[in-house]
Amino acid sequence: MSLLDVENLRVTFPTRRGEFEAVRGVSFSLGQERLGIVGESGSGKSMTGRAILRLIRPPGRVEADRMELEGRDLLSMSERDMQRVRGQQISMVMQDPKFSLNPVMRIGAQIIEIYRFHTGASKRAARAKAIEMLEAVSIRDPERVMRAYPHEMSGGMGQRIMIAMMLVTEPKILIADEPTSALDVSVQTQVLQIMDKLVRERGMGLIFISHDLNLVAQFCDRVLIMYAGKIVETCAADKLHEATHPYTRGLLNSLPRLDAPRERLEVLVRDEAWLGETSVSGRQ
């Protein structure tokens, strides 16, 4: 069952030298699965996630032949309708919680506000739901965290709070933009386990945006590899290390490996001709 269908998505910004295409004809479908999007910085990963939620502001333009959430056209929706979609049906966890949480509001008040805005629940019911979600992301003392301010939390706690806040409305889709990049390895594993559990139990679709190819290969079901705003290869996550596109091979070969140490890692080679190619579909 397809939750999200994107066909020929384009994000364009005007510049002094002409129009710059940040996302060039991206197409994919998302079901109840964990879909990874990988690539270098500037490849269009985060821009794709923001475009789905129509968070690209003028003069930037978002265009697509089709962008549908369970058959409903996201591009033709009014801003008021999109406000109901954002957070309630599609949530996005940003890269750094310190920039996403309001520094002058208590954490509990922020979660309660979001839940009441989307559901119209009473303050008591919203508070109970907020505590339930903080417990779901393995926060041991949710009552204390509810009373705390964002600056009192560590990076790992901040990420868990953001995940709880984005999932409190039980959305159909979660877009996670580098949710573990600032975390140490032990906390990273815990956060991934929490997300995996919530996705499986709630039947959600997850778009997992990351630089870490090894992490995506272990955690996701499918992977899209992006280069210069374009998808150059699609493959099953467990077959990522068997990918065939030269850009994907370059990304993989530039990673250090304990089982195959080398004196020098390969330098990533880029080719403008790849922009004119159709996406390579790897082993499924």
Protein backbone atom coordinates (compact mmCIF):
# COMPACT_ATOMS: atom_id res chain seq x y z
CA MET A 1 0.00 0.00 0.00
CA SER A 2 1.45 3.35 -1.08
CA LEU A 3 1.31 6.23 1.41
CA LEU A 4 3.19 8.82 -0.64
CA ASP A 5 3.72 9.10 -4.40
CA VAL A 6 6.18 11.62 -5.82
CA GLU A 7 6.70 11.98 -9.56
CA ASN A 8 9.18 14.36 -11.22
CA LEU A 9 9.65 16.62 -8.18
CA ARG A 10 11.63 19.78 -8.91
CA VAL A 11 12.81 22.54 -6.56
CA THR A 12 14.18 25.66 -8.25
CA PHE A 13 15.73 28.88 -6.93
CA PRO A 14 16.45 32.01 -9.01
CA THR A 15 20.05 33.29 -8.90
CA ARG A 16 22.04 36.00 -10.66
CA ARG A 17 23.34 33.38 -13.07
CA GLY A 18 19.92 31.96 -13.84
CA GLU A 19 17.78 29.31 -12.21
CA PHE A 20 19.39 26.75 -9.93
CA GLU A 21 17.77 23.31 -9.67
CA ALA A 22 18.27 21.98 -6.15
CA VAL A 23 16.07 18.94 -6.85
CA ARG A 24 15.86 17.63 -10.43
CA GLY A 25 13.04 15.26 -11.34
CA VAL A 26 12.93 13.08 -8.23
CA SER A 27 10.37 10.24 -8.33
CA PHE A 28 9.59 7.56 -5.73
CA SER A 29 6.78 5.89 -3.80
CA LEU A 30 6.71 5.24 -0.05
CA GLY A 31 4.81 2.43 1.62
CA GLN A 32 4.87 1.16 5.20
CA GLU A 33 8.66 0.88 5.09
CA ARG A 34 11.94 2.54 5.99
CA LEU A 35 13.21 4.40 2.92
CA GLY A 36 16.74 5.77 3.11
CA ILE A 37 17.98 8.76 1.10
CA VAL A 38 21.76 9.16 0.97
CA GLY A 39 24.24 11.40 -0.81
CA GLU A 40 26.77 14.16 -0.23
CA SER A 41 25.97 17.48 1.40
CA GLY A 42 24.13 19.58 -1.17
CA SER A 43 22.77 16.59 -3.09
CA GLY A 44 19.16 17.59 -2.39
CA LYS A 45 18.24 15.12 0.38
CA SER A 46 16.90 17.61 2.93
CA MET A 47 15.41 19.79 0.19
CA THR A 48 13.35 16.80 -1.00
CA GLY A 49 11.96 16.29 2.52
CA ARG A 50 11.11 19.95 2.91
CA ALA A 51 9.51 20.10 -0.54
CA ILE A 52 7.15 17.23 0.36
CA LEU A 53 5.89 19.35 3.27
CA ARG A 54 5.89 22.49 1.07
CA LEU A 55 8.32 24.24 3.38
CA ILE A 56 10.21 25.87 0.48
CA ARG A 57 9.45 29.57 0.63
CA PRO A 58 9.43 32.07 -2.28
CA PRO A 59 11.34 32.80 -4.41
CA GLY A 60 11.97 29.05 -4.35
CA ARG A 61 9.51 26.99 -6.41
CA VAL A 62 8.24 23.45 -5.86
CA GLU A 63 6.82 21.70 -8.92
CA ALA A 64 5.92 18.09 -9.64
CA ASP A 65 3.88 16.06 -12.09
CA ARG A 66 2.39 14.33 -9.05
CA MET A 67 2.83 14.57 -5.28
CA GLU A 68 0.08 12.71 -3.48
CA LEU A 69 -0.53 11.62 0.10
CA GLU A 70 -2.81 8.56 -0.10
CA GLY A 71 -4.29 9.89 -3.33
CA ARG A 72 -4.68 13.53 -2.17
CA ASP A 73 -2.77 16.14 -4.17
CA LEU A 74 -0.38 18.00 -1.84
CA LEU A 75 0.49 20.66 -4.44
CA SER A 76 -3.09 21.86 -4.89
CA MET A 77 -3.83 22.10 -1.15
CA SER A 78 -4.32 25.49 0.47
CA GLU A 79 -1.89 26.60 3.16
CA ARG A 80 -4.55 25.93 5.81
CA ASP A 81 -4.96 22.36 4.55
CA MET A 82 -1.18 21.90 4.54
CA GLN A 83 -1.05 23.00 8.19
CA ARG A 84 -3.29 20.03 8.96
CA VAL A 85 -1.00 17.74 6.97
CA ARG A 86 2.19 18.98 8.66
CA GLY A 87 2.59 17.32 12.00
CA GLN A 88 -0.70 15.45 11.87
CA GLN A 89 -0.15 13.24 8.80
CA ILE A 90 3.49 13.92 7.85
CA SER A 91 6.02 14.88 10.54
CA MET A 92 9.64 15.88 10.10
CA VAL A 93 12.43 15.50 12.66
CA MET A 94 15.05 18.15 11.92
CA GLN A 95 18.78 17.60 12.19
CA ASP A 96 19.47 19.58 15.38
CA PRO A 97 16.80 19.68 18.12
CA LYS A 98 18.30 22.84 19.62
CA PHE A 99 17.15 24.78 16.54
CA SER A 100 13.74 23.07 16.40
CA LEU A 101 12.62 23.45 20.01
CA ASN A 102 11.45 26.81 21.35
CA PRO A 103 14.10 27.86 23.91
CA VAL A 104 11.69 29.94 26.04
CA MET A 105 8.92 27.34 26.38
CA ARG A 106 8.94 24.33 28.66
CA ILE A 107 9.18 21.04 26.77
CA GLY A 108 5.83 19.79 28.04
CA ALA A 109 4.06 22.97 26.89
CA GLN A 110 5.47 22.55 23.37
CA ILE A 111 4.30 18.94 23.03
CA ILE A 112 0.87 19.78 24.51
CA GLU A 113 0.46 22.74 22.14
CA ILE A 114 1.13 20.60 19.06
CA TYR A 115 -1.23 17.82 20.16
CA ARG A 116 -4.08 20.22 21.00
CA PHE A 117 -3.63 22.17 17.75
CA HIS A 118 -4.05 19.03 15.62
CA THR A 119 -6.61 17.10 17.70
CA GLY A 120 -8.55 19.66 19.73
CA ALA A 121 -7.99 17.55 22.86
CA SER A 122 -8.37 18.92 26.38
CA LYS A 123 -5.29 20.12 28.24
CA ARG A 124 -5.48 17.14 30.62
CA ALA A 125 -5.74 14.61 27.76
CA ALA A 126 -2.89 16.34 25.89
CA ARG A 127 -0.67 16.23 28.98
CA ALA A 128 -1.34 12.51 29.45
CA LYS A 129 -0.54 11.89 25.77
CA ALA A 130 2.69 13.91 26.01
CA ILE A 131 3.88 11.86 29.00
CA GLU A 132 2.93 8.64 27.17
CA MET A 133 5.03 9.63 24.14
CA LEU A 134 8.04 10.64 26.24
CA GLU A 135 7.88 7.21 27.86
CA ALA A 136 7.61 5.62 24.39
CA VAL A 137 10.98 7.15 23.44
CA SER A 138 12.58 5.72 26.60
CA ILE A 139 12.76 8.91 28.67
CA ARG A 140 12.92 7.70 32.27
CA ASP A 141 11.45 10.68 34.15
CA PRO A 142 8.91 12.25 31.79
CA GLU A 143 7.39 14.46 34.49
CA ARG A 144 10.75 16.16 35.08
CA VAL A 145 11.36 16.54 31.34
CA MET A 146 7.90 18.08 30.88
CA ARG A 147 8.89 20.87 33.30
CA ALA A 148 12.37 21.39 31.79
CA TYR A 149 13.57 23.82 29.11
CA PRO A 150 15.39 22.61 25.95
CA HIS A 151 18.80 23.95 27.06
CA GLU A 152 18.67 21.63 30.08
CA MET A 153 18.67 18.55 27.85
CA SER A 154 21.60 16.72 26.24
CA GLY A 155 21.77 16.15 22.46
CA GLY A 156 20.44 12.59 22.77
CA MET A 157 17.57 13.68 25.02
CA GLY A 158 16.78 16.52 22.64
CA GLN A 159 16.51 14.11 19.70
CA ARG A 160 14.23 11.79 21.68
CA ILE A 161 12.04 14.73 22.65
CA MET A 162 11.80 15.82 19.01
CA ILE A 163 10.82 12.30 17.94
CA ALA A 164 8.16 12.19 20.69
CA MET A 165 6.86 15.60 19.62
CA MET A 166 6.65 14.63 15.95
CA LEU A 167 4.96 11.29 16.69
CA VAL A 168 2.48 12.51 19.30
CA THR A 169 -0.20 13.03 16.64
CA GLU A 170 0.45 9.54 15.22
CA PRO A 171 1.31 10.66 11.66
CA LYS A 172 1.27 8.31 8.68
CA ILE A 173 4.76 9.38 7.56
CA LEU A 174 7.87 10.46 9.46
CA ILE A 175 10.70 12.29 7.66
CA ALA A 176 13.88 12.03 9.74
CA ASP A 177 16.62 14.40 8.56
CA GLU A 178 19.98 13.23 9.95
CA PRO A 179 18.33 12.34 13.29
CA THR A 180 21.43 10.64 14.71
CA SER A 181 24.34 12.59 13.20
CA ALA A 182 25.10 14.55 16.40
CA LEU A 183 24.78 11.56 18.74
CA ASP A 184 27.39 9.18 20.11
CA VAL A 185 27.21 5.55 19.00
CA SER A 186 25.39 4.15 22.05
CA VAL A 187 22.69 6.86 22.00
CA GLN A 188 22.46 6.56 18.20
CA THR A 189 21.59 2.87 18.51
CA GLN A 190 18.91 3.60 21.13
CA VAL A 191 17.28 6.31 18.99
CA LEU A 192 17.23 4.02 15.93
CA GLN A 193 15.66 1.21 17.96
CA ILE A 194 12.99 3.59 19.21
CA MET A 195 12.19 4.80 15.69
CA ASP A 196 12.16 1.24 14.32
CA LYS A 197 9.77 0.08 17.05
CA LEU A 198 7.39 3.00 16.53
CA VAL A 199 7.38 2.58 12.74
CA ARG A 200 6.66 -1.17 12.98
CA GLU A 201 4.00 -0.88 15.69
CA ARG A 202 2.15 2.03 14.05
CA GLY A 203 2.51 0.90 10.42
CA MET A 204 4.12 4.18 9.40
CA GLY A 205 6.29 5.11 6.47
CA LEU A 206 9.75 6.47 7.31
CA ILE A 207 12.01 8.58 5.10
CA PHE A 208 15.45 8.40 6.68
CA ILE A 209 17.87 11.04 5.36
CA SER A 210 21.54 10.39 6.14
CA HIS A 211 25.18 10.65 5.05
CA ASP A 212 26.01 7.33 6.70
CA LEU A 213 25.79 4.58 4.07
CA ASN A 214 26.59 1.78 6.51
CA LEU A 215 23.90 2.94 8.92
CA VAL A 216 21.30 3.15 6.13
CA ALA A 217 22.27 -0.30 4.83
CA GLN A 218 21.64 -1.79 8.27
CA PHE A 219 18.53 0.18 9.24
CA CYS A 220 16.47 0.78 6.08
CA ASP A 221 14.52 -1.42 3.65
CA ARG A 222 15.25 0.53 0.45
CA VAL A 223 17.77 3.23 -0.46
CA LEU A 224 17.71 6.14 -2.92
CA ILE A 225 21.15 7.53 -3.81
CA MET A 226 21.09 11.22 -4.77
CA TYR A 227 23.68 13.17 -6.75
CA ALA A 228 23.29 16.90 -7.55
CA GLY A 229 19.54 16.86 -6.88
CA LYS A 230 18.85 13.71 -8.88
CA ILE A 231 18.29 10.05 -7.94
CA VAL A 232 21.02 8.08 -9.70
CA GLU A 233 20.35 4.65 -8.17
CA THR A 234 17.73 2.76 -6.19
CA CYS A 235 18.40 -0.53 -4.45
CA ALA A 236 17.42 -2.76 -1.54
CA ALA A 237 19.27 -1.61 1.58
CA ASP A 238 20.81 -5.01 2.27
CA LYS A 239 22.22 -4.98 -1.30
CA LEU A 240 23.67 -1.46 -1.06
CA HIS A 241 27.25 -2.73 -1.01
CA GLU A 242 26.53 -4.49 -4.34
CA ALA A 243 25.39 -1.23 -6.00
CA THR A 244 26.61 -0.69 -9.56
CA HIS A 245 26.41 3.05 -10.29
CA PRO A 246 29.90 4.65 -10.29
CA TYR A 247 28.75 7.41 -7.92
CA THR A 248 27.42 4.90 -5.37
CA ARG A 249 30.57 2.81 -5.76
CA GLY A 250 32.61 5.98 -5.18
CA LEU A 251 30.73 6.77 -1.97
CA LEU A 252 31.23 3.21 -0.71
CA ASN A 253 34.91 3.09 -1.64
CA SER A 254 35.61 6.39 0.13
CA LEU A 255 34.59 4.83 3.46
CA PRO A 256 37.25 3.26 5.72
CA ARG A 257 36.71 -0.45 6.44
CA LEU A 258 38.13 -2.43 9.35
CA ASP A 259 37.92 -5.69 7.40
CA ALA A 260 39.80 -4.25 4.40
CA PRO A 261 42.22 -1.53 5.56
CA ARG A 262 43.90 0.56 2.87
CA GLU A 263 46.71 3.07 2.96
CA ARG A 264 44.68 5.57 0.95
CA LEU A 265 40.93 5.87 0.45
CA GLU A 266 39.58 6.61 -3.01
CA VAL A 267 38.75 10.18 -3.99
CA LEU A 268 35.12 10.56 -5.07
CA VAL A 269 34.87 11.26 -8.80
CA ARG A 270 31.89 13.18 -10.18
CA ASP A 271 30.64 13.22 -13.77
CA GLU A 272 28.16 15.75 -15.20
CA ALA A 273 26.97 13.04 -17.61
CA TRP A 274 25.25 11.30 -14.67
CA LEU A 275 22.67 14.10 -14.58
CA GLY A 276 21.35 13.00 -17.96
CA GLU A 277 21.01 9.32 -17.02
CA THR A 278 17.89 7.56 -15.83
CA SER A 279 17.98 6.09 -12.34
CA VAL A 280 19.69 2.70 -12.00
CA SER A 281 17.56 0.12 -10.22
CA GLY A 282 19.71 -2.27 -8.25
CA ARG A 283 18.90 -5.68 -6.81
CA GLN A 284 15.70 -5.84 -4.84
